[in-house]
Protein backbone atom coordinates (compact mmCIF):
# COMPACT_ATOMS: atom_id res chain seq x y z
CA UNK A 1 -11.70 19.99 -7.99
CA UNK A 2 -9.81 18.11 -5.30
CA UNK A 3 -8.09 15.05 -6.77
CA UNK A 4 -6.08 12.37 -4.96
CA UNK A 5 -3.89 9.67 -6.55
CA UNK A 6 -3.66 6.26 -4.86
CA UNK A 7 -1.66 3.13 -5.54
CA UNK A 8 -3.72 -0.07 -5.86
CA UNK A 9 -2.05 -3.27 -4.62
CA UNK A 10 -1.06 -3.01 -0.96
CA UNK A 11 -2.96 0.27 -0.56
CA UNK A 12 -6.55 -0.50 -1.54
CA UNK A 13 -6.31 -4.28 -1.71
CA UNK A 14 -4.03 -7.00 -0.36
CA UNK A 15 -0.82 -7.39 -2.35
CA UNK A 16 0.59 -10.76 -3.36
CA UNK A 17 4.11 -12.07 -3.83
CA UNK A 18 3.37 -12.56 -7.54
CA UNK A 19 0.37 -10.80 -9.11
CA UNK A 20 -3.30 -10.20 -8.48
CA UNK A 21 -4.27 -12.03 -11.67
CA UNK A 22 -7.99 -12.73 -11.26
CA UNK A 23 -11.05 -11.26 -9.53
CA UNK A 24 -10.88 -14.06 -6.97
CA UNK A 25 -7.43 -12.85 -5.92
CA UNK A 26 -8.53 -9.24 -5.43
CA UNK A 27 -9.31 -8.68 -1.74
CA UNK A 28 -9.87 -5.23 -0.27
CA UNK A 29 -7.81 -4.30 2.78
CA UNK A 30 -9.85 -3.83 5.97
CA UNK A 31 -11.25 -0.31 6.09
CA UNK A 32 -9.83 0.73 2.72
CA UNK A 33 -13.12 0.97 0.82
CA UNK A 34 -14.68 2.91 3.67
CA UNK A 35 -11.66 5.25 3.65
CA UNK A 36 -12.30 6.02 -0.03
CA UNK A 37 -15.95 6.69 0.83
CA UNK A 38 -14.85 9.21 3.48
CA UNK A 39 -12.61 10.88 0.91
CA UNK A 40 -15.51 11.18 -1.50
CA UNK A 41 -17.75 12.56 1.22
CA UNK A 42 -15.04 15.11 1.99
CA UNK A 43 -15.09 16.35 -1.60
CA UNK A 44 -12.11 14.40 -2.92
CA UNK A 45 -12.16 12.59 -6.24
CA UNK A 46 -9.88 9.53 -6.32
CA UNK A 47 -7.93 7.95 -9.17
CA UNK A 48 -5.56 4.99 -9.12
CA UNK A 49 -2.08 4.78 -10.64
CA UNK A 50 -0.81 1.21 -10.75
CA UNK A 51 1.93 -0.87 -12.36
CA UNK A 52 0.46 -4.01 -13.94
CA UNK A 53 3.50 -5.67 -15.47
CA UNK A 54 1.70 -9.02 -15.32
CA UNK A 55 0.13 -7.92 -18.60
CA UNK A 56 3.50 -7.40 -20.27
CA UNK A 57 4.81 -10.65 -18.78
CA UNK A 58 1.81 -12.62 -20.05
CA UNK A 59 0.64 -13.58 -16.55
CA UNK A 60 -2.91 -12.33 -17.22
CA UNK A 61 -4.75 -10.51 -20.01
CA UNK A 62 -6.86 -7.36 -20.35
CA UNK A 63 -10.07 -9.29 -19.87
CA UNK A 64 -8.82 -10.45 -16.46
CA UNK A 65 -7.69 -6.95 -15.49
CA UNK A 66 -11.06 -5.52 -16.52
CA UNK A 67 -12.81 -8.18 -14.44
CA UNK A 68 -10.63 -7.37 -11.42
CA UNK A 69 -11.50 -3.69 -11.70
CA UNK A 70 -15.20 -4.46 -12.23
CA UNK A 71 -15.16 -6.32 -8.90
CA UNK A 72 -13.27 -3.45 -7.28
CA UNK A 73 -15.79 -0.87 -8.52
CA UNK A 74 -18.72 -3.00 -7.31
CA UNK A 75 -17.25 -3.32 -3.84
CA UNK A 76 -16.45 0.38 -3.72
CA UNK A 77 -20.01 1.23 -4.72
CA UNK A 78 -21.37 -1.08 -2.02
CA UNK A 79 -19.32 0.91 0.51
CA UNK A 80 -20.63 4.22 -0.86
CA UNK A 81 -17.30 4.97 -2.55
CA UNK A 82 -16.12 5.76 -6.06
CA UNK A 83 -12.83 5.72 -7.95
CA UNK A 84 -12.98 7.98 -10.98
CA UNK A 85 -10.45 6.16 -13.16
CA UNK A 86 -7.64 3.60 -13.12
CA UNK A 87 -4.41 4.55 -14.88
CA UNK A 88 -2.12 1.57 -15.33
CA UNK A 89 1.21 0.69 -16.89
CA UNK A 90 0.95 -2.62 -18.79
CA UNK A 91 4.66 -2.89 -19.58
CA UNK A 92 7.34 -5.27 -18.35
CA UNK A 93 10.46 -3.68 -16.82
CA UNK A 94 12.58 -4.41 -19.90
CA UNK A 95 10.22 -2.32 -22.05
CA UNK A 96 11.84 0.84 -20.62
CA UNK A 97 8.61 2.83 -20.84
CA UNK A 98 7.98 6.18 -19.18
CA UNK A 99 4.81 5.06 -17.39
CA UNK A 100 6.15 2.26 -15.17
CA UNK A 101 6.64 3.67 -11.71
CA UNK A 102 9.04 5.04 -10.44
CA UNK A 103 8.88 6.90 -13.77
CA UNK A 104 6.27 9.68 -13.52
CA UNK A 105 4.39 9.05 -16.78
CA UNK A 106 1.14 7.85 -15.19
CA UNK A 107 0.98 10.97 -13.03
CA UNK A 108 1.48 13.23 -16.04
CA UNK A 109 -1.33 11.36 -17.81
CA UNK A 110 -3.62 11.99 -14.85
CA UNK A 111 -2.77 15.69 -14.75
CA UNK A 112 -3.48 16.02 -18.47
CA UNK A 113 -6.74 14.04 -18.28
CA UNK A 114 -8.17 16.12 -15.44
CA UNK A 115 -6.54 19.43 -16.34
CA UNK A 116 -4.99 19.91 -12.92
CA UNK A 117 -1.58 21.01 -11.73
CA UNK A 118 0.32 18.05 -10.26
CA UNK A 119 1.44 19.94 -7.11
CA UNK A 120 -2.28 20.20 -6.31
CA UNK A 121 -2.76 16.42 -6.34
CA UNK A 122 -1.59 14.51 -3.23
CA UNK A 123 -0.43 10.94 -3.89
CA UNK A 124 -0.43 8.07 -1.40
CA UNK A 125 0.79 4.51 -1.72
CA UNK A 126 2.57 1.69 0.06
CA UNK A 127 5.38 1.20 -2.45
CA UNK A 128 8.53 3.32 -2.57
CA UNK A 129 8.30 3.49 -6.36
CA UNK A 130 4.82 5.04 -6.11
CA UNK A 131 5.98 7.95 -3.98
CA UNK A 132 9.15 8.32 -6.07
CA UNK A 133 7.07 8.61 -9.23
CA UNK A 134 4.71 11.05 -7.55
CA UNK A 135 7.59 13.19 -6.30
CA UNK A 136 9.18 13.21 -9.77
CA UNK A 137 5.88 14.53 -11.13
CA UNK A 138 5.67 17.20 -8.42
CA UNK A 139 2.86 15.71 -6.29
CA UNK A 140 2.84 15.95 -2.47
CA UNK A 141 3.77 12.45 -1.31
CA UNK A 142 2.52 10.12 1.42
CA UNK A 143 3.82 6.62 2.24
CA UNK A 144 1.41 4.13 3.80
CA UNK A 145 2.90 1.46 6.05
CA UNK A 146 0.95 -1.37 4.45
CA UNK A 147 1.80 -3.88 1.73
CA UNK A 148 5.40 -3.42 0.64
CA UNK A 149 6.08 -1.02 3.54
CA UNK A 150 4.33 -2.95 6.31
CA UNK A 151 7.69 -4.16 7.65
CA UNK A 152 8.49 -0.55 8.62
CA UNK A 153 5.70 -0.32 11.19
CA UNK A 154 7.07 0.27 14.66
CA UNK A 155 10.60 0.89 13.39
CA UNK A 156 9.56 4.18 11.81
CA UNK A 157 7.33 5.19 14.67
CA UNK A 158 10.17 4.80 17.14
CA UNK A 159 12.84 6.49 15.01
CA UNK A 160 13.93 10.04 15.68
CA UNK A 161 13.67 12.44 12.75
CA UNK A 162 17.43 12.38 12.34
CA UNK A 163 17.30 8.60 11.86
CA UNK A 164 14.50 8.50 9.29
CA UNK A 165 16.67 9.51 6.36
CA UNK A 166 19.08 6.66 7.05
CA UNK A 167 16.21 4.22 7.60
CA UNK A 168 14.49 5.28 4.36
CA UNK A 169 17.29 6.79 2.26
CA UNK A 170 15.39 6.56 -1.05
CA UNK A 171 12.20 8.16 0.22
CA UNK A 172 11.57 11.57 -1.38
CA UNK A 173 12.12 14.45 1.05
CA UNK A 174 8.86 15.87 2.38
CA UNK A 175 7.03 12.56 2.33
CA UNK A 176 4.66 12.01 5.24
CA UNK A 177 4.14 8.53 6.72
CA UNK A 178 0.80 7.04 7.76
CA UNK A 179 -0.11 3.66 9.25
CA UNK A 180 -2.62 2.82 6.52
CA UNK A 181 -5.11 4.37 4.11
CA UNK A 182 -7.63 5.05 6.86
CA UNK A 183 -5.03 6.90 8.94
CA UNK A 184 -3.99 8.94 5.90
CA UNK A 185 -7.60 9.88 5.15
CA UNK A 186 -8.17 10.87 8.79
CA UNK A 187 -5.10 13.13 8.58
CA UNK A 188 -6.04 14.59 5.19
CA UNK A 189 -9.61 15.47 6.12
CA UNK A 190 -8.42 17.15 9.33
CA UNK A 191 -6.20 19.61 7.44
CA UNK A 192 -7.31 23.13 6.57
CA UNK A 193 -4.79 22.97 3.72
CA UNK A 194 -3.34 19.50 3.12
CA UNK A 195 -0.88 20.53 0.41
CA UNK A 196 1.97 22.19 2.38
CA UNK A 197 4.28 19.51 3.75
CA UNK A 198 4.64 20.18 7.44
CA UNK A 199 7.20 18.21 9.44
CA UNK A 200 8.85 16.54 6.44
CA UNK A 201 11.26 13.66 6.58
CA UNK A 202 14.74 15.20 6.09
CA UNK A 203 16.69 14.51 2.97
CA UNK A 204 19.55 12.01 3.18
CA UNK A 205 22.70 13.62 4.51
CA UNK A 206 20.97 16.56 6.17
């Protein structure tokens, strides 16, 4: 089984300054649903790992979250795509749980559910905390320059390798950067073996 872990807000759908709190506020990013369909066609199963602290903060309830994901699944299906499962952290930051990214708990849950080794599961997302959590769990990591990382477009592309560590000092070493989910999927499906991390971003201070 080939399994890929994606972030949700800012990766699959448009992120907001506050929360995506209702189905009406969930809007797929251009090309994202089709990118998941290409993954599926390429033999990849996809799961989501997402922080949903709006639950813990009382900004929305489980019924709203379920309705959001029902809309997401319908739109994915209409694009010929499928997400196997959504793993989410419902806690507020002050709860000090082990599943709120950048803690790796969600990734360990996914590995246990599917019976797979975490180093065999690439993880891609737009938020630094997503790739930090994935790296802590041992997953190969990919940062998408959308959502929370959209401001890095252009700056990263023009930076020399030696400058990337200073530009992104908290990014886990070995993380690859991609313009968006479609670009990541194009790269992934072109690889004979996507798991080794060629041309990594150097660690800070190296």
